């Protein structure tokens, strides 16, 4: 849930914000 200062790639994480990329 926290916005981090590094890239985040979520596999089946469904993080809905522009700072994360979702692999769905």
PDBML (XML) file of the C-alpha atoms, coordinates in Angstrom:
<?xml version="1.0" encoding="UTF-8" ?>
<PDBx:datablock datablockName="MODEL"
   xmlns:PDBx="http://pdbml.pdb.org/schema/pdbx-v50.xsd"
   xmlns:xsi="http://www.w3.org/2001/XMLSchema-instance"
   xsi:schemaLocation="http://pdbml.pdb.org/schema/pdbx-v50.xsd pdbx-v50.xsd">
   <PDBx:atom_siteCategory>
      <PDBx:atom_site id="1">
         <PDBx:B_iso_or_equiv>0.00</PDBx:B_iso_or_equiv>
         <PDBx:Cartn_x>0.000</PDBx:Cartn_x>
         <PDBx:Cartn_y>0.000</PDBx:Cartn_y>
         <PDBx:Cartn_z>0.000</PDBx:Cartn_z>
         <PDBx:auth_asym_id>A</PDBx:auth_asym_id>
         <PDBx:auth_atom_id>CA</PDBx:auth_atom_id>
         <PDBx:auth_comp_id>UNK</PDBx:auth_comp_id>
         <PDBx:auth_seq_id>1</PDBx:auth_seq_id>
         <PDBx:group_PDB>ATOM</PDBx:group_PDB>
         <PDBx:label_alt_id xsi:nil="true" />
         <PDBx:label_asym_id>A</PDBx:label_asym_id>
         <PDBx:label_atom_id>CA</PDBx:label_atom_id>
         <PDBx:label_comp_id>UNK</PDBx:label_comp_id>
         <PDBx:label_entity_id>1</PDBx:label_entity_id>
         <PDBx:label_seq_id>1</PDBx:label_seq_id>
         <PDBx:occupancy>1.00</PDBx:occupancy>
         <PDBx:pdbx_PDB_model_num>1</PDBx:pdbx_PDB_model_num>
         <PDBx:type_symbol>C</PDBx:type_symbol>
      </PDBx:atom_site>
      <PDBx:atom_site id="2">
         <PDBx:B_iso_or_equiv>0.00</PDBx:B_iso_or_equiv>
         <PDBx:Cartn_x>2.928</PDBx:Cartn_x>
         <PDBx:Cartn_y>2.349</PDBx:Cartn_y>
         <PDBx:Cartn_z>0.579</PDBx:Cartn_z>
         <PDBx:auth_asym_id>A</PDBx:auth_asym_id>
         <PDBx:auth_atom_id>CA</PDBx:auth_atom_id>
         <PDBx:auth_comp_id>UNK</PDBx:auth_comp_id>
         <PDBx:auth_seq_id>2</PDBx:auth_seq_id>
         <PDBx:group_PDB>ATOM</PDBx:group_PDB>
         <PDBx:label_alt_id xsi:nil="true" />
         <PDBx:label_asym_id>A</PDBx:label_asym_id>
         <PDBx:label_atom_id>CA</PDBx:label_atom_id>
         <PDBx:label_comp_id>UNK</PDBx:label_comp_id>
         <PDBx:label_entity_id>1</PDBx:label_entity_id>
         <PDBx:label_seq_id>2</PDBx:label_seq_id>
         <PDBx:occupancy>1.00</PDBx:occupancy>
         <PDBx:pdbx_PDB_model_num>1</PDBx:pdbx_PDB_model_num>
         <PDBx:type_symbol>C</PDBx:type_symbol>
      </PDBx:atom_site>
      <PDBx:atom_site id="3">
         <PDBx:B_iso_or_equiv>0.00</PDBx:B_iso_or_equiv>
         <PDBx:Cartn_x>4.308</PDBx:Cartn_x>
         <PDBx:Cartn_y>4.408</PDBx:Cartn_y>
         <PDBx:Cartn_z>-2.304</PDBx:Cartn_z>
         <PDBx:auth_asym_id>A</PDBx:auth_asym_id>
         <PDBx:auth_atom_id>CA</PDBx:auth_atom_id>
         <PDBx:auth_comp_id>UNK</PDBx:auth_comp_id>
         <PDBx:auth_seq_id>3</PDBx:auth_seq_id>
         <PDBx:group_PDB>ATOM</PDBx:group_PDB>
         <PDBx:label_alt_id xsi:nil="true" />
         <PDBx:label_asym_id>A</PDBx:label_asym_id>
         <PDBx:label_atom_id>CA</PDBx:label_atom_id>
         <PDBx:label_comp_id>UNK</PDBx:label_comp_id>
         <PDBx:label_entity_id>1</PDBx:label_entity_id>
         <PDBx:label_seq_id>3</PDBx:label_seq_id>
         <PDBx:occupancy>1.00</PDBx:occupancy>
         <PDBx:pdbx_PDB_model_num>1</PDBx:pdbx_PDB_model_num>
         <PDBx:type_symbol>C</PDBx:type_symbol>
      </PDBx:atom_site>
      <PDBx:atom_site id="4">
         <PDBx:B_iso_or_equiv>0.00</PDBx:B_iso_or_equiv>
         <PDBx:Cartn_x>8.003</PDBx:Cartn_x>
         <PDBx:Cartn_y>3.520</PDBx:Cartn_y>
         <PDBx:Cartn_z>-2.542</PDBx:Cartn_z>
         <PDBx:auth_asym_id>A</PDBx:auth_asym_id>
         <PDBx:auth_atom_id>CA</PDBx:auth_atom_id>
         <PDBx:auth_comp_id>UNK</PDBx:auth_comp_id>
         <PDBx:auth_seq_id>4</PDBx:auth_seq_id>
         <PDBx:group_PDB>ATOM</PDBx:group_PDB>
         <PDBx:label_alt_id xsi:nil="true" />
         <PDBx:label_asym_id>A</PDBx:label_asym_id>
         <PDBx:label_atom_id>CA</PDBx:label_atom_id>
         <PDBx:label_comp_id>UNK</PDBx:label_comp_id>
         <PDBx:label_entity_id>1</PDBx:label_entity_id>
         <PDBx:label_seq_id>4</PDBx:label_seq_id>
         <PDBx:occupancy>1.00</PDBx:occupancy>
         <PDBx:pdbx_PDB_model_num>1</PDBx:pdbx_PDB_model_num>
         <PDBx:type_symbol>C</PDBx:type_symbol>
      </PDBx:atom_site>
      <PDBx:atom_site id="5">
         <PDBx:B_iso_or_equiv>0.00</PDBx:B_iso_or_equiv>
         <PDBx:Cartn_x>10.830</PDBx:Cartn_x>
         <PDBx:Cartn_y>5.518</PDBx:Cartn_y>
         <PDBx:Cartn_z>-4.138</PDBx:Cartn_z>
         <PDBx:auth_asym_id>A</PDBx:auth_asym_id>
         <PDBx:auth_atom_id>CA</PDBx:auth_atom_id>
         <PDBx:auth_comp_id>UNK</PDBx:auth_comp_id>
         <PDBx:auth_seq_id>5</PDBx:auth_seq_id>
         <PDBx:group_PDB>ATOM</PDBx:group_PDB>
         <PDBx:label_alt_id xsi:nil="true" />
         <PDBx:label_asym_id>A</PDBx:label_asym_id>
         <PDBx:label_atom_id>CA</PDBx:label_atom_id>
         <PDBx:label_comp_id>UNK</PDBx:label_comp_id>
         <PDBx:label_entity_id>1</PDBx:label_entity_id>
         <PDBx:label_seq_id>5</PDBx:label_seq_id>
         <PDBx:occupancy>1.00</PDBx:occupancy>
         <PDBx:pdbx_PDB_model_num>1</PDBx:pdbx_PDB_model_num>
         <PDBx:type_symbol>C</PDBx:type_symbol>
      </PDBx:atom_site>
      <PDBx:atom_site id="6">
         <PDBx:B_iso_or_equiv>0.00</PDBx:B_iso_or_equiv>
         <PDBx:Cartn_x>11.938</PDBx:Cartn_x>
         <PDBx:Cartn_y>2.515</PDBx:Cartn_y>
         <PDBx:Cartn_z>-6.230</PDBx:Cartn_z>
         <PDBx:auth_asym_id>A</PDBx:auth_asym_id>
         <PDBx:auth_atom_id>CA</PDBx:auth_atom_id>
         <PDBx:auth_comp_id>UNK</PDBx:auth_comp_id>
         <PDBx:auth_seq_id>6</PDBx:auth_seq_id>
         <PDBx:group_PDB>ATOM</PDBx:group_PDB>
         <PDBx:label_alt_id xsi:nil="true" />
         <PDBx:label_asym_id>A</PDBx:label_asym_id>
         <PDBx:label_atom_id>CA</PDBx:label_atom_id>
         <PDBx:label_comp_id>UNK</PDBx:label_comp_id>
         <PDBx:label_entity_id>1</PDBx:label_entity_id>
         <PDBx:label_seq_id>6</PDBx:label_seq_id>
         <PDBx:occupancy>1.00</PDBx:occupancy>
         <PDBx:pdbx_PDB_model_num>1</PDBx:pdbx_PDB_model_num>
         <PDBx:type_symbol>C</PDBx:type_symbol>
      </PDBx:atom_site>
      <PDBx:atom_site id="7">
         <PDBx:B_iso_or_equiv>0.00</PDBx:B_iso_or_equiv>
         <PDBx:Cartn_x>10.205</PDBx:Cartn_x>
         <PDBx:Cartn_y>0.577</PDBx:Cartn_y>
         <PDBx:Cartn_z>-9.030</PDBx:Cartn_z>
         <PDBx:auth_asym_id>A</PDBx:auth_asym_id>
         <PDBx:auth_atom_id>CA</PDBx:auth_atom_id>
         <PDBx:auth_comp_id>UNK</PDBx:auth_comp_id>
         <PDBx:auth_seq_id>7</PDBx:auth_seq_id>
         <PDBx:group_PDB>ATOM</PDBx:group_PDB>
         <PDBx:label_alt_id xsi:nil="true" />
         <PDBx:label_asym_id>A</PDBx:label_asym_id>
         <PDBx:label_atom_id>CA</PDBx:label_atom_id>
         <PDBx:label_comp_id>UNK</PDBx:label_comp_id>
         <PDBx:label_entity_id>1</PDBx:label_entity_id>
         <PDBx:label_seq_id>7</PDBx:label_seq_id>
         <PDBx:occupancy>1.00</PDBx:occupancy>
         <PDBx:pdbx_PDB_model_num>1</PDBx:pdbx_PDB_model_num>
         <PDBx:type_symbol>C</PDBx:type_symbol>
      </PDBx:atom_site>
      <PDBx:atom_site id="8">
         <PDBx:B_iso_or_equiv>0.00</PDBx:B_iso_or_equiv>
         <PDBx:Cartn_x>7.654</PDBx:Cartn_x>
         <PDBx:Cartn_y>-2.042</PDBx:Cartn_y>
         <PDBx:Cartn_z>-7.939</PDBx:Cartn_z>
         <PDBx:auth_asym_id>A</PDBx:auth_asym_id>
         <PDBx:auth_atom_id>CA</PDBx:auth_atom_id>
         <PDBx:auth_comp_id>UNK</PDBx:auth_comp_id>
         <PDBx:auth_seq_id>8</PDBx:auth_seq_id>
         <PDBx:group_PDB>ATOM</PDBx:group_PDB>
         <PDBx:label_alt_id xsi:nil="true" />
         <PDBx:label_asym_id>A</PDBx:label_asym_id>
         <PDBx:label_atom_id>CA</PDBx:label_atom_id>
         <PDBx:label_comp_id>UNK</PDBx:label_comp_id>
         <PDBx:label_entity_id>1</PDBx:label_entity_id>
         <PDBx:label_seq_id>8</PDBx:label_seq_id>
         <PDBx:occupancy>1.00</PDBx:occupancy>
         <PDBx:pdbx_PDB_model_num>1</PDBx:pdbx_PDB_model_num>
         <PDBx:type_symbol>C</PDBx:type_symbol>
      </PDBx:atom_site>
      <PDBx:atom_site id="9">
         <PDBx:B_iso_or_equiv>0.00</PDBx:B_iso_or_equiv>
         <PDBx:Cartn_x>6.416</PDBx:Cartn_x>
         <PDBx:Cartn_y>-4.822</PDBx:Cartn_y>
         <PDBx:Cartn_z>-10.220</PDBx:Cartn_z>
         <PDBx:auth_asym_id>A</PDBx:auth_asym_id>
         <PDBx:auth_atom_id>CA</PDBx:auth_atom_id>
         <PDBx:auth_comp_id>UNK</PDBx:auth_comp_id>
         <PDBx:auth_seq_id>9</PDBx:auth_seq_id>
         <PDBx:group_PDB>ATOM</PDBx:group_PDB>
         <PDBx:label_alt_id xsi:nil="true" />
         <PDBx:label_asym_id>A</PDBx:label_asym_id>
         <PDBx:label_atom_id>CA</PDBx:label_atom_id>
         <PDBx:label_comp_id>UNK</PDBx:label_comp_id>
         <PDBx:label_entity_id>1</PDBx:label_entity_id>
         <PDBx:label_seq_id>9</PDBx:label_seq_id>
         <PDBx:occupancy>1.00</PDBx:occupancy>
         <PDBx:pdbx_PDB_model_num>1</PDBx:pdbx_PDB_model_num>
         <PDBx:type_symbol>C</PDBx:type_symbol>
      </PDBx:atom_site>
      <PDBx:atom_site id="10">
         <PDBx:B_iso_or_equiv>0.00</PDBx:B_iso_or_equiv>
         <PDBx:Cartn_x>3.448</PDBx:Cartn_x>
         <PDBx:Cartn_y>-6.722</PDBx:Cartn_y>
         <PDBx:Cartn_z>-8.816</PDBx:Cartn_z>
         <PDBx:auth_asym_id>A</PDBx:auth_asym_id>
         <PDBx:auth_atom_id>CA</PDBx:auth_atom_id>
         <PDBx:auth_comp_id>UNK</PDBx:auth_comp_id>
         <PDBx:auth_seq_id>10</PDBx:auth_seq_id>
         <PDBx:group_PDB>ATOM</PDBx:group_PDB>
         <PDBx:label_alt_id xsi:nil="true" />
         <PDBx:label_asym_id>A</PDBx:label_asym_id>
         <PDBx:label_atom_id>CA</PDBx:label_atom_id>
         <PDBx:label_comp_id>UNK</PDBx:label_comp_id>
         <PDBx:label_entity_id>1</PDBx:label_entity_id>
         <PDBx:label_seq_id>10</PDBx:label_seq_id>
         <PDBx:occupancy>1.00</PDBx:occupancy>
         <PDBx:pdbx_PDB_model_num>1</PDBx:pdbx_PDB_model_num>
         <PDBx:type_symbol>C</PDBx:type_symbol>
      </PDBx:atom_site>
      <PDBx:atom_site id="11">
         <PDBx:B_iso_or_equiv>0.00</PDBx:B_iso_or_equiv>
         <PDBx:Cartn_x>2.663</PDBx:Cartn_x>
         <PDBx:Cartn_y>-10.263</PDBx:Cartn_y>
         <PDBx:Cartn_z>-9.967</PDBx:Cartn_z>
         <PDBx:auth_asym_id>A</PDBx:auth_asym_id>
         <PDBx:auth_atom_id>CA</PDBx:auth_atom_id>
         <PDBx:auth_comp_id>UNK</PDBx:auth_comp_id>
         <PDBx:auth_seq_id>11</PDBx:auth_seq_id>
         <PDBx:group_PDB>ATOM</PDBx:group_PDB>
         <PDBx:label_alt_id xsi:nil="true" />
         <PDBx:label_asym_id>A</PDBx:label_asym_id>
         <PDBx:label_atom_id>CA</PDBx:label_atom_id>
         <PDBx:label_comp_id>UNK</PDBx:label_comp_id>
         <PDBx:label_entity_id>1</PDBx:label_entity_id>
         <PDBx:label_seq_id>11</PDBx:label_seq_id>
         <PDBx:occupancy>1.00</PDBx:occupancy>
         <PDBx:pdbx_PDB_model_num>1</PDBx:pdbx_PDB_model_num>
         <PDBx:type_symbol>C</PDBx:type_symbol>
      </PDBx:atom_site>
      <PDBx:atom_site id="12">
         <PDBx:B_iso_or_equiv>0.00</PDBx:B_iso_or_equiv>
         <PDBx:Cartn_x>-1.037</PDBx:Cartn_x>
         <PDBx:Cartn_y>-10.815</PDBx:Cartn_y>
         <PDBx:Cartn_z>-9.170</PDBx:Cartn_z>
         <PDBx:auth_asym_id>A</PDBx:auth_asym_id>
         <PDBx:auth_atom_id>CA</PDBx:auth_atom_id>
         <PDBx:auth_comp_id>UNK</PDBx:auth_comp_id>
         <PDBx:auth_seq_id>12</PDBx:auth_seq_id>
         <PDBx:group_PDB>ATOM</PDBx:group_PDB>
         <PDBx:label_alt_id xsi:nil="true" />
         <PDBx:label_asym_id>A</PDBx:label_asym_id>
         <PDBx:label_atom_id>CA</PDBx:label_atom_id>
         <PDBx:label_comp_id>UNK</PDBx:label_comp_id>
         <PDBx:label_entity_id>1</PDBx:label_entity_id>
         <PDBx:label_seq_id>12</PDBx:label_seq_id>
         <PDBx:occupancy>1.00</PDBx:occupancy>
         <PDBx:pdbx_PDB_model_num>1</PDBx:pdbx_PDB_model_num>
         <PDBx:type_symbol>C</PDBx:type_symbol>
      </PDBx:atom_site>
      <PDBx:atom_site id="13">
         <PDBx:B_iso_or_equiv>0.00</PDBx:B_iso_or_equiv>
         <PDBx:Cartn_x>-0.781</PDBx:Cartn_x>
         <PDBx:Cartn_y>-7.972</PDBx:Cartn_y>
         <PDBx:Cartn_z>-6.681</PDBx:Cartn_z>
         <PDBx:auth_asym_id>A</PDBx:auth_asym_id>
         <PDBx:auth_atom_id>CA</PDBx:auth_atom_id>
         <PDBx:auth_comp_id>UNK</PDBx:auth_comp_id>
         <PDBx:auth_seq_id>13</PDBx:auth_seq_id>
         <PDBx:group_PDB>ATOM</PDBx:group_PDB>
         <PDBx:label_alt_id xsi:nil="true" />
         <PDBx:label_asym_id>A</PDBx:label_asym_id>
         <PDBx:label_atom_id>CA</PDBx:label_atom_id>
         <PDBx:label_comp_id>UNK</PDBx:label_comp_id>
         <PDBx:label_entity_id>1</PDBx:label_entity_id>
         <PDBx:label_seq_id>13</PDBx:label_seq_id>
         <PDBx:occupancy>1.00</PDBx:occupancy>
         <PDBx:pdbx_PDB_model_num>1</PDBx:pdbx_PDB_model_num>
         <PDBx:type_symbol>C</PDBx:type_symbol>
      </PDBx:atom_site>
      <PDBx:atom_site id="14">
         <PDBx:B_iso_or_equiv>0.00</PDBx:B_iso_or_equiv>
         <PDBx:Cartn_x>-3.401</PDBx:Cartn_x>
         <PDBx:Cartn_y>-5.674</PDBx:Cartn_y>
         <PDBx:Cartn_z>-8.242</PDBx:Cartn_z>
         <PDBx:auth_asym_id>A</PDBx:auth_asym_id>
         <PDBx:auth_atom_id>CA</PDBx:auth_atom_id>
         <PDBx:auth_comp_id>UNK</PDBx:auth_comp_id>
         <PDBx:auth_seq_id>14</PDBx:auth_seq_id>
         <PDBx:group_PDB>ATOM</PDBx:group_PDB>
         <PDBx:label_alt_id xsi:nil="true" />
         <PDBx:label_asym_id>A</PDBx:label_asym_id>
         <PDBx:label_atom_id>CA</PDBx:label_atom_id>
         <PDBx:label_comp_id>UNK</PDBx:label_comp_id>
         <PDBx:label_entity_id>1</PDBx:label_entity_id>
         <PDBx:label_seq_id>14</PDBx:label_seq_id>
         <PDBx:occupancy>1.00</PDBx:occupancy>
         <PDBx:pdbx_PDB_model_num>1</PDBx:pdbx_PDB_model_num>
         <PDBx:type_symbol>C</PDBx:type_symbol>
      </PDBx:atom_site>
      <PDBx:atom_site id="15">
         <PDBx:B_iso_or_equiv>0.00</PDBx:B_iso_or_equiv>
         <PDBx:Cartn_x>-1.743</PDBx:Cartn_x>
         <PDBx:Cartn_y>-2.511</PDBx:Cartn_y>
         <PDBx:Cartn_z>-6.920</PDBx:Cartn_z>
         <PDBx:auth_asym_id>A</PDBx:auth_asym_id>
         <PDBx:auth_atom_id>CA</PDBx:auth_atom_id>
         <PDBx:auth_comp_id>UNK</PDBx:auth_comp_id>
         <PDBx:auth_seq_id>15</PDBx:auth_seq_id>
         <PDBx:group_PDB>ATOM</PDBx:group_PDB>
         <PDBx:label_alt_id xsi:nil="true" />
         <PDBx:label_asym_id>A</PDBx:label_asym_id>
         <PDBx:label_atom_id>CA</PDBx:label_atom_id>
         <PDBx:label_comp_id>UNK</PDBx:label_comp_id>
         <PDBx:label_entity_id>1</PDBx:label_entity_id>
         <PDBx:label_seq_id>15</PDBx:label_seq_id>
         <PDBx:occupancy>1.00</PDBx:occupancy>
         <PDBx:pdbx_PDB_model_num>1</PDBx:pdbx_PDB_model_num>
         <PDBx:type_symbol>C</PDBx:type_symbol>
      </PDBx:atom_site>
      <PDBx:atom_site id="16">
         <PDBx:B_iso_or_equiv>0.00</PDBx:B_iso_or_equiv>
         <PDBx:Cartn_x>-3.786</PDBx:Cartn_x>
         <PDBx:Cartn_y>0.298</PDBx:Cartn_y>
         <PDBx:Cartn_z>-8.434</PDBx:Cartn_z>
         <PDBx:auth_asym_id>A</PDBx:auth_asym_id>
         <PDBx:auth_atom_id>CA</PDBx:auth_atom_id>
         <PDBx:auth_comp_id>UNK</PDBx:auth_comp_id>
         <PDBx:auth_seq_id>16</PDBx:auth_seq_id>
         <PDBx:group_PDB>ATOM</PDBx:group_PDB>
         <PDBx:label_alt_id xsi:nil="true" />
         <PDBx:label_asym_id>A</PDBx:label_asym_id>
         <PDBx:label_atom_id>CA</PDBx:label_atom_id>
         <PDBx:label_comp_id>UNK</PDBx:label_comp_id>
         <PDBx:label_entity_id>1</PDBx:label_entity_id>
         <PDBx:label_seq_id>16</PDBx:label_seq_id>
         <PDBx:occupancy>1.00</PDBx:occupancy>
         <PDBx:pdbx_PDB_model_num>1</PDBx:pdbx_PDB_model_num>
         <PDBx:type_symbol>C</PDBx:type_symbol>
      </PDBx:atom_site>
      <PDBx:atom_site id="17">
         <PDBx:B_iso_or_equiv>0.00</PDBx:B_iso_or_equiv>
         <PDBx:Cartn_x>-1.423</PDBx:Cartn_x>
         <PDBx:Cartn_y>3.251</PDBx:Cartn_y>
         <PDBx:Cartn_z>-8.694</PDBx:Cartn_z>
         <PDBx:auth_asym_id>A</PDBx:auth_asym_id>
         <PDBx:auth_atom_id>CA</PDBx:auth_atom_id>
         <PDBx:auth_comp_id>UNK</PDBx:auth_comp_id>
         <PDBx:auth_seq_id>17</PDBx:auth_seq_id>
         <PDBx:group_PDB>ATOM</PDBx:group_PDB>
         <PDBx:label_alt_id xsi:nil="true" />
         <PDBx:label_asym_id>A</PDBx:label_asym_id>
         <PDBx:label_atom_id>CA</PDBx:label_atom_id>
         <PDBx:label_comp_id>UNK</PDBx:label_comp_id>
         <PDBx:label_entity_id>1</PDBx:label_entity_id>
         <PDBx:label_seq_id>17</PDBx:label_seq_id>
         <PDBx:occupancy>1.00</PDBx:occupancy>
         <PDBx:pdbx_PDB_model_num>1</PDBx:pdbx_PDB_model_num>
         <PDBx:type_symbol>C</PDBx:type_symbol>
      </PDBx:atom_site>
      <PDBx:atom_site id="18">
         <PDBx:B_iso_or_equiv>0.00</PDBx:B_iso_or_equiv>
         <PDBx:Cartn_x>0.937</PDBx:Cartn_x>
         <PDBx:Cartn_y>4.663</PDBx:Cartn_y>
         <PDBx:Cartn_z>-11.281</PDBx:Cartn_z>
         <PDBx:auth_asym_id>A</PDBx:auth_asym_id>
         <PDBx:auth_atom_id>CA</PDBx:auth_atom_id>
         <PDBx:auth_comp_id>UNK</PDBx:auth_comp_id>
         <PDBx:auth_seq_id>18</PDBx:auth_seq_id>
         <PDBx:group_PDB>ATOM</PDBx:group_PDB>
         <PDBx:label_alt_id xsi:nil="true" />
         <PDBx:label_asym_id>A</PDBx:label_asym_id>
         <PDBx:label_atom_id>CA</PDBx:label_atom_id>
         <PDBx:label_comp_id>UNK</PDBx:label_comp_id>
         <PDBx:label_entity_id>1</PDBx:label_entity_id>
         <PDBx:label_seq_id>18</PDBx:label_seq_id>
         <PDBx:occupancy>1.00</PDBx:occupancy>
         <PDBx:pdbx_PDB_model_num>1</PDBx:pdbx_PDB_model_num>
         <PDBx:type_symbol>C</PDBx:type_symbol>
      </PDBx:atom_site>
      <PDBx:atom_site id="19">
         <PDBx:B_iso_or_equiv>0.00</PDBx:B_iso_or_equiv>
         <PDBx:Cartn_x>4.037</PDBx:Cartn_x>
         <PDBx:Cartn_y>3.877</PDBx:Cartn_y>
         <PDBx:Cartn_z>-9.209</PDBx:Cartn_z>
         <PDBx:auth_asym_id>A</PDBx:auth_asym_id>
         <PDBx:auth_atom_id>CA</PDBx:auth_atom_id>
         <PDBx:auth_comp_id>UNK</PDBx:auth_comp_id>
         <PDBx:auth_seq_id>19</PDBx:auth_seq_id>
         <PDBx:group_PDB>ATOM</PDBx:group_PDB>
         <PDBx:label_alt_id xsi:nil="true" />
         <PDBx:label_asym_id>A</PDBx:label_asym_id>
         <PDBx:label_atom_id>CA</PDBx:label_atom_id>
         <PDBx:label_comp_id>UNK</PDBx:label_comp_id>
         <PDBx:label_entity_id>1</PDBx:label_entity_id>
         <PDBx:label_seq_id>19</PDBx:label_seq_id>
         <PDBx:occupancy>1.00</PDBx:occupancy>
         <PDBx:pdbx_PDB_model_num>1</PDBx:pdbx_PDB_model_num>
         <PDBx:type_symbol>C</PDBx:type_symbol>
      </PDBx:atom_site>
      <PDBx:atom_site id="20">
         <PDBx:B_iso_or_equiv>0.00</PDBx:B_iso_or_equiv>
         <PDBx:Cartn_x>3.601</PDBx:Cartn_x>
         <PDBx:Cartn_y>0.113</PDBx:Cartn_y>
         <PDBx:Cartn_z>-9.687</PDBx:Cartn_z>
         <PDBx:auth_asym_id>A</PDBx:auth_asym_id>
         <PDBx:auth_atom_id>CA</PDBx:auth_atom_id>
         <PDBx:auth_comp_id>UNK</PDBx:auth_comp_id>
         <PDBx:auth_seq_id>20</PDBx:auth_seq_id>
         <PDBx:group_PDB>ATOM</PDBx:group_PDB>
         <PDBx:label_alt_id xsi:nil="true" />
         <PDBx:label_asym_id>A</PDBx:label_asym_id>
         <PDBx:label_atom_id>CA</PDBx:label_atom_id>
         <PDBx:label_comp_id>UNK</PDBx:label_comp_id>
         <PDBx:label_entity_id>1</PDBx:label_entity_id>
         <PDBx:label_seq_id>20</PDBx:label_seq_id>
         <PDBx:occupancy>1.00</PDBx:occupancy>
         <PDBx:pdbx_PDB_model_num>1</PDBx:pdbx_PDB_model_num>
         <PDBx:type_symbol>C</PDBx:type_symbol>
      </PDBx:atom_site>
      <PDBx:atom_site id="21">
         <PDBx:B_iso_or_equiv>0.00</PDBx:B_iso_or_equiv>
         <PDBx:Cartn_x>3.368</PDBx:Cartn_x>
         <PDBx:Cartn_y>-2.117</PDBx:Cartn_y>
         <PDBx:Cartn_z>-12.744</PDBx:Cartn_z>
         <PDBx:auth_asym_id>A</PDBx:auth_asym_id>
         <PDBx:auth_atom_id>CA</PDBx:auth_atom_id>
         <PDBx:auth_comp_id>UNK</PDBx:auth_comp_id>
         <PDBx:auth_seq_id>21</PDBx:auth_seq_id>
         <PDBx:group_PDB>ATOM</PDBx:group_PDB>
         <PDBx:label_alt_id xsi:nil="true" />
         <PDBx:label_asym_id>A</PDBx:label_asym_id>
         <PDBx:label_atom_id>CA</PDBx:label_atom_id>
         <PDBx:label_comp_id>UNK</PDBx:label_comp_id>
         <PDBx:label_entity_id>1</PDBx:label_entity_id>
         <PDBx:label_seq_id>21</PDBx:label_seq_id>
         <PDBx:occupancy>1.00</PDBx:occupancy>
         <PDBx:pdbx_PDB_model_num>1</PDBx:pdbx_PDB_model_num>
         <PDBx:type_symbol>C</PDBx:type_symbol>
      </PDBx:atom_site>
      <PDBx:atom_site id="22">
         <PDBx:B_iso_or_equiv>0.00</PDBx:B_iso_or_equiv>
         <PDBx:Cartn_x>1.009</PDBx:Cartn_x>
         <PDBx:Cartn_y>-5.088</PDBx:Cartn_y>
         <PDBx:Cartn_z>-12.549</PDBx:Cartn_z>
         <PDBx:auth_asym_id>A</PDBx:auth_asym_id>
         <PDBx:auth_atom_id>CA</PDBx:auth_atom_id>
         <PDBx:auth_comp_id>UNK</PDBx:auth_comp_id>
         <PDBx:auth_seq_id>22</PDBx:auth_seq_id>
         <PDBx:group_PDB>ATOM</PDBx:group_PDB>
         <PDBx:label_alt_id xsi:nil="true" />
         <PDBx:label_asym_id>A</PDBx:label_asym_id>
         <PDBx:label_atom_id>CA</PDBx:label_atom_id>
         <PDBx:label_comp_id>UNK</PDBx:label_comp_id>
         <PDBx:label_entity_id>1</PDBx:label_entity_id>
         <PDBx:label_seq_id>22</PDBx:label_seq_id>
         <PDBx:occupancy>1.00</PDBx:occupancy>
         <PDBx:pdbx_PDB_model_num>1</PDBx:pdbx_PDB_model_num>
         <PDBx:type_symbol>C</PDBx:type_symbol>
      </PDBx:atom_site>
      <PDBx:atom_site id="23">
         <PDBx:B_iso_or_equiv>0.00</PDBx:B_iso_or_equiv>
         <PDBx:Cartn_x>1.586</PDBx:Cartn_x>
         <PDBx:Cartn_y>-8.428</PDBx:Cartn_y>
         <PDBx:Cartn_z>-14.260</PDBx:Cartn_z>
         <PDBx:auth_asym_id>A</PDBx:auth_asym_id>
         <PDBx:auth_atom_id>CA</PDBx:auth_atom_id>
         <PDBx:auth_comp_id>UNK</PDBx:auth_comp_id>
         <PDBx:auth_seq_id>23</PDBx:auth_seq_id>
         <PDBx:group_PDB>ATOM</PDBx:group_PDB>
         <PDBx:label_alt_id xsi:nil="true" />
         <PDBx:label_asym_id>A</PDBx:label_asym_id>
         <PDBx:label_atom_id>CA</PDBx:label_atom_id>
         <PDBx:label_comp_id>UNK</PDBx:label_comp_id>
         <PDBx:label_entity_id>1</PDBx:label_entity_id>
         <PDBx:label_seq_id>23</PDBx:label_seq_id>
         <PDBx:occupancy>1.00</PDBx:occupancy>
         <PDBx:pdbx_PDB_model_num>1</PDBx:pdbx_PDB_model_num>
         <PDBx:type_symbol>C</PDBx:type_symbol>
      </PDBx:atom_site>
      <PDBx:atom_site id="24">
         <PDBx:B_iso_or_equiv>0.00</PDBx:B_iso_or_equiv>
         <PDBx:Cartn_x>-1.967</PDBx:Cartn_x>
         <PDBx:Cartn_y>-9.740</PDBx:Cartn_y>
         <PDBx:Cartn_z>-14.397</PDBx:Cartn_z>
         <PDBx:auth_asym_id>A</PDBx:auth_asym_id>
         <PDBx:auth_atom_id>CA</PDBx:auth_atom_id>
         <PDBx:auth_comp_id>UNK</PDBx:auth_comp_id>
         <PDBx:auth_seq_id>24</PDBx:auth_seq_id>
         <PDBx:group_PDB>ATOM</PDBx:group_PDB>
         <PDBx:label_alt_id xsi:nil="true" />
         <PDBx:label_asym_id>A</PDBx:label_asym_id>
         <PDBx:label_atom_id>CA</PDBx:label_atom_id>
         <PDBx:label_comp_id>UNK</PDBx:label_comp_id>
         <PDBx:label_entity_id>1</PDBx:label_entity_id>
         <PDBx:label_seq_id>24</PDBx:label_seq_id>
         <PDBx:occupancy>1.00</PDBx:occupancy>
         <PDBx:pdbx_PDB_model_num>1</PDBx:pdbx_PDB_model_num>
         <PDBx:type_symbol>C</PDBx:type_symbol>
      </PDBx:atom_site>
   </PDBx:atom_siteCategory>
</PDBx:datablock>
